[in-house]
Amino acid sequence: MIRNDYSAEEEYEISLQLLGQRYNEALNKIDSLNVIISDLLNIMHIYGIPVPLKMLEQLDLDAPFPR
């Protein structure tokens, strides 16, 4: 049977745990996207394809990638 008589403090703790899980999932997705973007930039560099200006504007220029 599913319990549904949580106190306000228990509900708050559960909400924080779920929020933390969602936050970590979002960070993992961002990390995955960063890897994909880095790979794309490396491929573009290898084949001499210029990086579009709009993409350059969005990049963290401190991040290591070949220019």
Protein backbone atom coordinates (compact mmCIF):
# COMPACT_ATOMS: atom_id res chain seq x y z
CA MET A 1 0.00 0.00 0.00
CA ILE A 2 1.21 3.48 -0.82
CA ARG A 3 1.60 5.86 2.07
CA ASN A 4 0.03 9.28 1.59
CA ASP A 5 -0.02 10.73 5.09
CA TYR A 6 3.31 12.55 5.01
CA SER A 7 3.97 15.44 7.35
CA ALA A 8 4.84 18.80 5.88
CA GLU A 9 8.50 18.26 6.84
CA GLU A 10 8.57 14.84 5.15
CA GLU A 11 6.98 16.29 2.00
CA TYR A 12 9.60 19.05 2.01
CA GLU A 13 12.44 16.51 2.33
CA ILE A 14 11.02 14.37 -0.47
CA SER A 15 10.63 17.44 -2.68
CA LEU A 16 14.24 18.41 -2.05
CA GLN A 17 15.41 14.91 -2.92
CA LEU A 18 13.41 14.91 -6.16
CA LEU A 19 14.67 18.38 -7.02
CA GLY A 20 18.25 17.22 -6.43
CA GLN A 21 17.71 14.21 -8.69
CA ARG A 22 16.29 16.38 -11.46
CA TYR A 23 19.15 18.86 -11.06
CA ASN A 24 21.72 16.06 -11.40
CA GLU A 25 19.92 14.66 -14.44
CA ALA A 26 19.99 18.11 -16.05
CA LEU A 27 23.71 18.48 -15.33
CA ASN A 28 24.37 15.08 -16.90
CA LYS A 29 22.46 16.11 -20.03
CA ILE A 30 24.43 19.36 -20.22
CA ASP A 31 27.69 17.42 -19.90
CA SER A 32 26.60 15.11 -22.72
CA LEU A 33 25.73 18.07 -24.93
CA ASN A 34 29.09 19.68 -24.19
CA VAL A 35 30.85 16.51 -25.36
CA ILE A 36 28.78 16.44 -28.55
CA ILE A 37 29.53 20.10 -29.26
CA SER A 38 33.22 19.60 -28.59
CA ASP A 39 33.28 16.61 -30.96
CA LEU A 40 31.44 18.64 -33.61
CA LEU A 41 33.91 21.51 -33.31
CA ASN A 42 36.85 19.11 -33.59
CA ILE A 43 35.38 17.53 -36.72
CA MET A 44 34.76 20.97 -38.21
CA HIS A 45 38.35 21.93 -37.44
CA ILE A 46 39.76 18.70 -38.95
CA TYR A 47 37.85 19.23 -42.19
CA GLY A 48 38.50 22.96 -42.36
CA ILE A 49 34.87 23.93 -41.93
CA PRO A 50 34.58 27.41 -40.43
CA VAL A 51 32.60 27.67 -37.21
CA PRO A 52 29.51 29.85 -37.82
CA LEU A 53 29.59 33.24 -36.11
CA LYS A 54 26.36 32.50 -34.22
CA MET A 55 27.99 29.40 -32.76
CA LEU A 56 31.12 31.30 -31.79
CA GLU A 57 29.01 33.89 -30.00
CA GLN A 58 27.51 31.15 -27.82
CA LEU A 59 30.77 29.36 -27.00
CA ASP A 60 32.73 29.66 -23.81
CA LEU A 61 35.91 31.05 -25.33
CA ASP A 62 37.94 29.73 -22.40
CA ALA A 63 36.96 26.16 -23.28
CA PRO A 64 39.71 24.19 -25.00
CA PHE A 65 38.99 23.50 -28.65
CA PRO A 66 41.07 24.03 -31.76
CA ARG A 67 40.52 27.29 -33.61
